[in-house]
Amino acid sequence: MGEINEIQSDLAQIVRLALAEQTDDVRLYVARLVRKYRSTNPNFSDQLDLFLRSKPARANAPLRKAIAPPTQPQGLPVDDESRLSLLKVYQDEVDRAAPLLSPNLEETLSQLIQERKQTERLAALGLQPTRSAIFVGPPGVGKTLTARWLSAQLGVPLYVLDLTAVMSSLLGRSGNNLRAALDFSKRAPCVLLLDEIDAIAKRRNDDTDVGELKRLVTVILQEVDEWPSSGLLLAATNHPELIDPALWRRFDLVVQFATPERAAVKEAIKRFLGPDYALLGRWIDVLSFTFLGQSFSDIERDIQRFRRALALGTSNDSDLIEDFVKARAFNLDRQGRIDLSVLLSKSTKLSQHKISEITGASRDTIRKYTTDAPLGVKHITRRKVEV
């Protein structure tokens, strides 16, 4: 009864905001309900989240003063030669969707945020919050998205070093550009991301690099050591083996990003499908199996391709998924094809002939692994009943 009263109270609040035509407040309240019911009523939470994502906020909707992002700083540093800005700026709202991460990663990032929000408590104990961290993992697993989400949670802008602008063709200019970008980022609280840091912090014993790049390593080493606790310095790399060993010791925290596990893949598919989940949702288990081992960016790319084909009417959902799974099955080993065949048999109405065509597993093999019990056992059971 208490849960019913709570839902009625939430409904009344939404009605009140809707009748007052407070559209932005309705969206904020629904986002709050998504988080509120995620553990107690996940299906209801997913449905609300789906409605929220299928109706994006109006681009020209006025922002509430209470959540208005800080004004973009003026005078961003630029390369003197090209006049390109050395930093890209992101200022996301605090309700930005959290990245899809493993429980261990969520716990690590949660502590990092709490440290920043309780700096006085740490200072009273003679401690400082984490000043720097390096994100390590393959492309597309959410390193940059995590940096954006972190900055939004901390209520500060995210600056991303633009290597295209920093790496000047003039000898000695690259180091000056790097220092200018770092000095600017230290003026006020922010999150600074040095993406693809392996490009500018390679091992100094690499004889293929010129002296200019080796000097950049020295600059970064000094800056990580001296980074103020008022800001958070992040770095990201897809190639940890290329980074100078001295740099690893400078970072307070090393965060490992791996390719997503089955649960995270399934959640990613739901999120990327958006309103088309109603049509493609019946394939969710098959897609989760097929996408296993892929990065979030790879998953999103293929899902968007599916959605475009459906929107244009160039294919139906069955043909799309069957063709996609057939192409992926080609790279599976024998046991993988068997597991996929069993999954298709249990979660779809496809015939064994069609499943064999898709997975490459023989019909005898599919029959062997999808039959509840061996044929002889069935006969014995029936004979006992007849007696």
Protein backbone atom coordinates (compact mmCIF):
# COMPACT_ATOMS: atom_id res chain seq x y z
CA MET A 1 0.00 0.00 0.00
CA GLY A 2 2.87 2.35 0.82
CA GLU A 3 4.40 1.82 -2.63
CA ILE A 4 1.06 2.63 -4.30
CA ASN A 5 0.73 5.86 -2.31
CA GLU A 6 4.30 6.81 -3.29
CA ILE A 7 3.59 6.23 -6.99
CA GLN A 8 0.37 8.26 -6.71
CA SER A 9 2.35 11.09 -5.12
CA ASP A 10 4.89 11.00 -7.96
CA LEU A 11 2.08 10.99 -10.53
CA ALA A 12 0.41 13.99 -8.88
CA GLN A 13 3.68 15.91 -8.95
CA ILE A 14 4.15 15.23 -12.70
CA VAL A 15 0.55 16.29 -13.42
CA ARG A 16 1.06 19.51 -11.47
CA LEU A 17 4.21 20.39 -13.42
CA ALA A 18 2.66 19.43 -16.76
CA LEU A 19 -0.46 21.56 -16.20
CA ALA A 20 1.79 24.48 -15.30
CA GLU A 21 3.56 23.89 -18.65
CA GLN A 22 6.90 23.54 -16.88
CA THR A 23 8.34 21.18 -19.50
CA ASP A 24 11.92 21.34 -18.29
CA ASP A 25 10.83 20.58 -14.73
CA VAL A 26 8.82 17.60 -15.96
CA ARG A 27 11.90 16.18 -17.69
CA LEU A 28 14.04 16.71 -14.60
CA TYR A 29 11.45 15.03 -12.39
CA VAL A 30 11.07 12.05 -14.75
CA ALA A 31 14.87 11.65 -14.83
CA ARG A 32 14.77 11.57 -11.02
CA LEU A 33 12.08 8.86 -11.12
CA VAL A 34 14.20 6.77 -13.49
CA ARG A 35 16.95 6.69 -10.87
CA LYS A 36 14.47 6.23 -8.00
CA TYR A 37 12.77 3.12 -9.39
CA ARG A 38 15.83 1.55 -11.06
CA SER A 39 16.36 -0.96 -8.24
CA THR A 40 12.78 -1.52 -7.03
CA ASN A 41 10.92 -1.51 -10.36
CA PRO A 42 13.45 -1.80 -13.23
CA ASN A 43 10.83 -2.37 -15.96
CA PHE A 44 8.97 0.81 -14.97
CA SER A 45 12.29 2.69 -14.77
CA ASP A 46 13.29 1.48 -18.26
CA GLN A 47 9.91 2.56 -19.67
CA LEU A 48 10.24 6.06 -18.21
CA ASP A 49 13.82 6.29 -19.50
CA LEU A 50 12.64 5.24 -22.97
CA PHE A 51 9.95 7.95 -23.02
CA LEU A 52 12.49 10.51 -21.86
CA ARG A 53 15.00 9.65 -24.60
CA SER A 54 12.40 9.41 -27.36
CA LYS A 55 11.39 13.04 -26.78
CA PRO A 56 14.60 15.13 -26.68
CA ALA A 57 14.56 18.48 -24.95
CA ARG A 58 13.89 21.44 -27.24
CA ALA A 59 17.09 23.06 -28.42
CA ASN A 60 15.65 26.51 -27.83
CA ALA A 61 14.06 25.71 -24.46
CA PRO A 62 15.13 28.19 -21.78
CA LEU A 63 17.44 26.70 -19.17
CA ARG A 64 16.46 26.98 -15.53
CA LYS A 65 18.66 29.43 -13.70
CA ALA A 66 19.38 26.91 -10.96
CA ILE A 67 21.08 24.50 -13.35
CA ALA A 68 22.47 26.88 -15.93
CA PRO A 69 26.03 25.83 -16.81
CA PRO A 70 28.80 28.29 -16.14
CA THR A 71 29.61 30.71 -18.93
CA GLN A 72 32.31 29.55 -21.30
CA PRO A 73 35.62 31.16 -20.35
CA GLN A 74 36.92 33.83 -22.65
CA GLY A 75 40.41 33.95 -24.10
CA LEU A 76 41.05 30.24 -24.65
CA PRO A 77 44.72 29.72 -25.58
CA VAL A 78 45.44 29.37 -29.31
CA ASP A 79 48.36 28.35 -31.49
CA ASP A 80 50.01 31.55 -32.73
CA GLU A 81 50.60 30.14 -36.19
CA SER A 82 47.25 28.51 -37.03
CA ARG A 83 45.06 30.46 -34.53
CA LEU A 84 43.40 27.16 -33.62
CA SER A 85 42.17 26.79 -30.04
CA LEU A 86 44.39 24.49 -28.00
CA LEU A 87 41.46 23.25 -25.92
CA LYS A 88 38.01 21.88 -26.68
CA VAL A 89 35.41 22.85 -24.09
CA TYR A 90 32.45 20.78 -22.82
CA GLN A 91 29.95 22.02 -20.26
CA ASP A 92 27.35 19.32 -19.70
CA GLU A 93 24.40 19.45 -17.32
CA VAL A 94 24.52 17.45 -14.10
CA ASP A 95 21.74 15.11 -15.27
CA ARG A 96 23.83 13.88 -18.21
CA ALA A 97 23.35 10.11 -18.56
CA ALA A 98 25.96 8.13 -16.65
CA PRO A 99 28.33 6.03 -18.80
CA LEU A 100 27.86 2.26 -18.88
CA LEU A 101 30.56 0.93 -16.59
CA SER A 102 31.41 -2.17 -14.58
CA PRO A 103 30.54 -2.15 -10.83
CA ASN A 104 34.23 -1.80 -9.92
CA LEU A 105 34.62 1.24 -12.18
CA GLU A 106 31.44 2.81 -10.81
CA GLU A 107 32.78 2.41 -7.27
CA THR A 108 36.13 3.97 -8.18
CA LEU A 109 34.53 6.98 -9.88
CA SER A 110 31.99 7.40 -7.07
CA GLN A 111 34.81 7.74 -4.54
CA LEU A 112 36.60 10.21 -6.80
CA ILE A 113 33.45 12.38 -6.91
CA GLN A 114 32.91 12.13 -3.16
CA GLU A 115 36.50 13.21 -2.54
CA ARG A 116 35.88 16.36 -4.57
CA LYS A 117 32.64 17.11 -2.75
CA GLN A 118 34.21 16.66 0.69
CA THR A 119 37.53 18.43 0.31
CA GLU A 120 37.15 20.21 3.67
CA ARG A 121 36.74 16.91 5.48
CA LEU A 122 39.85 15.55 3.80
CA ALA A 123 41.79 18.75 4.53
CA ALA A 124 40.94 18.47 8.22
CA LEU A 125 42.71 15.10 8.17
CA GLY A 126 45.68 16.47 6.24
CA LEU A 127 44.58 14.83 2.98
CA GLN A 128 43.96 16.04 -0.57
CA PRO A 129 41.50 14.66 -3.12
CA THR A 130 42.79 12.66 -6.07
CA ARG A 131 44.46 15.21 -8.36
CA SER A 132 45.19 13.05 -11.40
CA ALA A 133 44.12 9.80 -13.03
CA ILE A 134 44.92 7.97 -16.25
CA PHE A 135 42.24 6.02 -18.13
CA VAL A 136 43.58 2.92 -19.89
CA GLY A 137 41.64 0.79 -22.36
CA PRO A 138 40.85 0.05 -26.01
CA PRO A 139 39.04 2.60 -28.20
CA GLY A 140 35.31 3.05 -27.77
CA VAL A 141 34.91 1.77 -24.20
CA GLY A 142 33.81 5.11 -22.75
CA LYS A 143 36.95 6.90 -21.56
CA THR A 144 36.05 10.31 -23.01
CA LEU A 145 32.35 9.95 -22.12
CA THR A 146 33.37 9.18 -18.55
CA ALA A 147 35.47 12.34 -18.42
CA ARG A 148 32.47 14.39 -19.61
CA TRP A 149 30.20 12.77 -17.05
CA LEU A 150 32.72 13.36 -14.25
CA SER A 151 33.01 17.06 -15.07
CA ALA A 152 29.21 17.36 -15.14
CA GLN A 153 28.91 15.69 -11.72
CA LEU A 154 31.54 18.05 -10.31
CA GLY A 155 29.88 21.10 -11.87
CA VAL A 156 33.02 22.27 -13.67
CA PRO A 157 33.92 22.53 -17.38
CA LEU A 158 35.85 19.83 -19.18
CA TYR A 159 38.80 20.93 -21.30
CA VAL A 160 40.19 18.44 -23.81
CA LEU A 161 43.67 19.06 -25.21
CA ASP A 162 43.48 19.32 -29.01
CA LEU A 163 46.62 17.60 -30.27
CA THR A 164 46.02 18.86 -33.81
CA ALA A 165 46.50 22.43 -32.63
CA VAL A 166 49.16 21.74 -30.01
CA MET A 167 51.59 19.95 -32.33
CA SER A 168 52.95 22.93 -34.23
CA SER A 169 55.14 22.57 -37.29
CA LEU A 170 57.54 25.12 -35.82
CA LEU A 171 60.36 23.72 -33.71
CA GLY A 172 59.86 24.55 -30.04
CA ARG A 173 56.28 25.80 -30.48
CA SER A 174 54.62 22.52 -29.41
CA GLY A 175 56.12 22.76 -25.93
CA ASN A 176 54.96 26.36 -25.61
CA ASN A 177 51.47 25.39 -26.76
CA LEU A 178 51.29 22.56 -24.24
CA ARG A 179 52.37 24.82 -21.38
CA ALA A 180 49.87 27.50 -22.43
CA ALA A 181 47.01 24.99 -22.41
CA LEU A 182 48.03 23.57 -19.03
CA ASP A 183 48.56 27.02 -17.46
CA PHE A 184 45.12 28.15 -18.64
CA SER A 185 43.48 25.04 -17.17
CA LYS A 186 45.03 25.69 -13.76
CA ARG A 187 43.45 29.14 -13.40
CA ALA A 188 40.08 27.87 -12.19
CA PRO A 189 38.55 24.53 -11.12
CA CYS A 190 38.04 22.24 -14.12
CA VAL A 191 38.65 18.77 -15.46
CA LEU A 192 41.43 18.66 -18.06
CA LEU A 193 41.66 15.60 -20.31
CA LEU A 194 44.90 14.78 -22.13
CA ASP A 195 43.41 12.36 -24.65
CA GLU A 196 45.73 9.99 -26.52
CA ILE A 197 48.54 10.96 -24.19
CA ASP A 198 50.74 8.27 -25.72
CA ALA A 199 51.15 10.61 -28.73
CA ILE A 200 52.98 13.21 -26.64
CA ALA A 201 54.36 11.18 -23.71
CA LYS A 202 56.22 8.37 -25.43
CA ARG A 203 59.14 6.56 -23.88
CA ARG A 204 62.15 8.83 -23.99
CA ASN A 205 64.38 5.96 -25.08
CA ASP A 206 62.46 5.73 -28.36
CA ASP A 207 65.13 6.67 -30.93
CA THR A 208 62.51 7.30 -33.63
CA ASP A 209 61.25 10.45 -31.90
CA VAL A 210 62.82 13.87 -32.27
CA GLY A 211 64.03 15.90 -29.32
CA GLU A 212 60.91 18.08 -29.40
CA LEU A 213 58.64 15.18 -28.43
CA LYS A 214 61.02 14.13 -25.67
CA ARG A 215 60.84 17.65 -24.23
CA LEU A 216 57.05 17.36 -24.17
CA VAL A 217 57.37 14.35 -21.86
CA THR A 218 59.40 16.44 -19.43
CA VAL A 219 56.76 19.18 -19.48
CA ILE A 220 53.97 16.70 -18.71
CA LEU A 221 55.94 15.04 -15.90
CA GLN A 222 56.43 18.42 -14.22
CA GLU A 223 52.79 19.41 -14.65
CA VAL A 224 51.37 16.18 -13.21
CA ASP A 225 53.59 16.59 -10.15
CA GLU A 226 52.50 20.20 -9.62
CA TRP A 227 48.82 19.94 -10.59
CA PRO A 228 46.65 21.84 -8.08
CA SER A 229 44.08 19.95 -6.01
CA SER A 230 41.41 22.47 -7.11
CA GLY A 231 41.37 20.78 -10.54
CA LEU A 232 41.35 17.22 -11.83
CA LEU A 233 43.88 16.17 -14.46
CA LEU A 234 42.89 13.15 -16.57
CA ALA A 235 44.79 11.34 -19.29
CA ALA A 236 43.59 8.59 -21.61
CA THR A 237 45.45 6.06 -23.71
CA ASN A 238 44.78 3.10 -25.96
CA HIS A 239 48.48 2.14 -25.97
CA PRO A 240 49.87 2.03 -22.41
CA GLU A 241 53.01 0.23 -23.63
CA LEU A 242 54.11 3.40 -25.47
CA ILE A 243 54.00 5.72 -22.45
CA ASP A 244 57.17 6.72 -20.64
CA PRO A 245 57.44 4.60 -17.43
CA ALA A 246 58.16 7.70 -15.32
CA LEU A 247 54.69 9.04 -16.10
CA TRP A 248 52.85 6.12 -14.53
CA ARG A 249 54.31 6.92 -11.10
CA ARG A 250 53.08 10.53 -11.33
CA PHE A 251 49.37 9.74 -11.60
CA ASP A 252 47.43 9.25 -8.37
CA LEU A 253 45.09 6.72 -9.95
CA VAL A 254 45.20 4.26 -12.88
CA VAL A 255 41.71 3.30 -14.11
CA GLN A 256 41.39 0.26 -16.35
CA PHE A 257 38.56 0.22 -18.93
CA ALA A 258 37.76 -3.16 -20.50
CA THR A 259 35.40 -4.20 -23.28
CA PRO A 260 31.88 -4.40 -21.79
CA GLU A 261 30.50 -7.56 -20.22
CA ARG A 262 27.16 -9.14 -21.22
CA ALA A 263 25.01 -7.08 -18.80
CA ALA A 264 26.59 -3.81 -19.92
CA VAL A 265 26.21 -4.79 -23.58
CA LYS A 266 22.52 -5.48 -23.05
CA GLU A 267 22.02 -2.13 -21.31
CA ALA A 268 23.91 -0.35 -24.10
CA ILE A 269 21.71 -1.91 -26.76
CA LYS A 270 18.58 -0.77 -24.91
CA ARG A 271 19.93 2.74 -24.61
CA PHE A 272 21.05 3.01 -28.25
CA LEU A 273 17.79 1.58 -29.63
CA GLY A 274 15.76 4.36 -28.01
CA PRO A 275 12.15 4.31 -29.24
CA ASP A 276 12.95 1.43 -31.64
CA TYR A 277 13.40 -0.91 -28.67
CA ALA A 278 9.70 -1.74 -28.98
CA LEU A 279 10.42 -3.21 -32.42
CA LEU A 280 13.87 -4.75 -31.93
CA GLY A 281 13.62 -5.62 -28.24
CA ARG A 282 12.68 -9.23 -28.97
CA TRP A 283 16.18 -9.72 -30.38
CA ILE A 284 17.90 -8.31 -27.28
CA ASP A 285 19.42 -11.61 -26.05
CA VAL A 286 20.66 -12.56 -29.51
CA LEU A 287 22.18 -9.12 -30.03
CA SER A 288 23.79 -9.15 -26.57
CA PHE A 289 25.50 -12.44 -27.42
CA THR A 290 26.57 -11.27 -30.87
CA PHE A 291 27.96 -7.93 -29.68
CA LEU A 292 29.98 -9.47 -26.84
CA GLY A 293 33.61 -8.36 -27.15
CA GLN A 294 32.71 -5.18 -29.04
CA SER A 295 33.19 -1.63 -27.73
CA PHE A 296 30.28 0.69 -26.96
CA SER A 297 31.09 2.82 -29.99
CA ASP A 298 31.02 -0.25 -32.26
CA ILE A 299 27.68 -1.30 -30.80
CA GLU A 300 26.21 2.17 -31.23
CA ARG A 301 27.39 2.38 -34.84
CA ASP A 302 25.66 -0.87 -35.81
CA ILE A 303 22.49 -0.08 -33.85
CA GLN A 304 22.22 3.30 -35.58
CA ARG A 305 22.61 1.53 -38.92
CA PHE A 306 19.71 -0.78 -38.01
CA ARG A 307 17.54 2.17 -37.03
CA ARG A 308 18.26 4.05 -40.26
CA ALA A 309 17.34 1.01 -42.35
CA LEU A 310 14.08 0.61 -40.44
CA ALA A 311 13.27 4.31 -40.73
CA LEU A 312 13.80 4.25 -44.50
CA GLY A 313 11.93 0.96 -44.91
CA THR A 314 14.83 -0.64 -46.78
CA SER A 315 14.69 -3.77 -44.60
CA ASN A 316 12.62 -5.37 -41.85
CA ASP A 317 13.90 -6.23 -38.39
CA SER A 318 14.13 -10.01 -39.02
CA ASP A 319 16.24 -9.69 -42.17
CA LEU A 320 18.46 -7.04 -40.56
CA ILE A 321 19.26 -9.09 -37.47
CA GLU A 322 19.57 -12.42 -39.27
CA ASP A 323 22.04 -10.99 -41.80
CA PHE A 324 24.02 -9.29 -39.04
CA VAL A 325 24.19 -12.42 -36.86
CA LYS A 326 25.17 -14.55 -39.87
CA ALA A 327 28.09 -12.23 -40.64
CA ARG A 328 29.26 -12.30 -37.01
CA ALA A 329 28.87 -16.09 -36.69
CA PHE A 330 31.54 -16.50 -39.35
CA ASN A 331 34.17 -15.38 -36.79
CA LEU A 332 32.98 -17.66 -33.97
CA ASP A 333 34.65 -20.94 -33.08
CA ARG A 334 32.67 -24.20 -33.10
CA GLN A 335 31.46 -23.87 -29.51
CA GLY A 336 30.47 -20.27 -30.14
CA ARG A 337 28.35 -21.28 -33.12
CA ILE A 338 26.71 -24.01 -31.04
CA ASP A 339 25.93 -21.56 -28.21
CA LEU A 340 24.49 -19.09 -30.70
CA SER A 341 22.38 -21.83 -32.30
CA VAL A 342 20.94 -22.84 -28.92
CA LEU A 343 20.16 -19.22 -28.12
CA LEU A 344 18.41 -18.67 -31.46
CA SER A 345 16.41 -21.86 -30.94
CA LYS A 346 15.27 -20.82 -27.45
CA SER A 347 14.62 -17.11 -28.03
CA THR A 348 13.21 -17.07 -31.58
CA LYS A 349 10.76 -19.03 -33.72
CA LEU A 350 13.36 -19.74 -36.40
CA SER A 351 13.47 -23.28 -37.78
CA GLN A 352 16.52 -25.47 -37.26
CA HIS A 353 17.14 -25.26 -40.99
CA LYS A 354 17.22 -21.44 -40.82
CA ILE A 355 19.39 -21.47 -37.68
CA SER A 356 21.84 -23.79 -39.41
CA GLU A 357 21.96 -21.42 -42.36
CA ILE A 358 22.69 -18.47 -40.06
CA THR A 359 25.26 -20.04 -37.70
CA GLY A 360 26.91 -22.65 -39.91
CA ALA A 361 26.25 -25.37 -37.32
CA SER A 362 24.81 -28.57 -38.72
CA ARG A 363 21.15 -29.43 -38.09
CA ASP A 364 22.19 -32.64 -36.29
CA THR A 365 24.37 -30.59 -33.93
CA ILE A 366 21.57 -28.09 -33.31
CA ARG A 367 19.11 -30.91 -32.65
CA LYS A 368 21.55 -32.58 -30.26
CA TYR A 369 22.07 -29.47 -28.14
CA THR A 370 18.51 -28.12 -28.19
CA THR A 371 16.61 -31.32 -27.40
CA ASP A 372 15.56 -31.43 -23.76
CA ALA A 373 16.55 -35.08 -23.39
CA PRO A 374 18.05 -37.79 -25.59
CA LEU A 375 15.59 -39.66 -27.77
CA GLY A 376 16.12 -42.95 -25.93
CA VAL A 377 15.23 -41.36 -22.60
CA LYS A 378 11.96 -40.06 -24.03
CA HIS A 379 11.03 -43.54 -25.21
CA ILE A 380 11.78 -45.07 -21.83
CA THR A 381 9.68 -42.47 -20.05
CA ARG A 382 6.72 -43.08 -22.37
CA ARG A 383 6.99 -46.85 -21.95
CA LYS A 384 6.76 -46.50 -18.18
CA VAL A 385 3.61 -44.41 -18.47
CA GLU A 386 1.99 -47.01 -20.71
CA VAL A 387 2.63 -49.76 -18.16
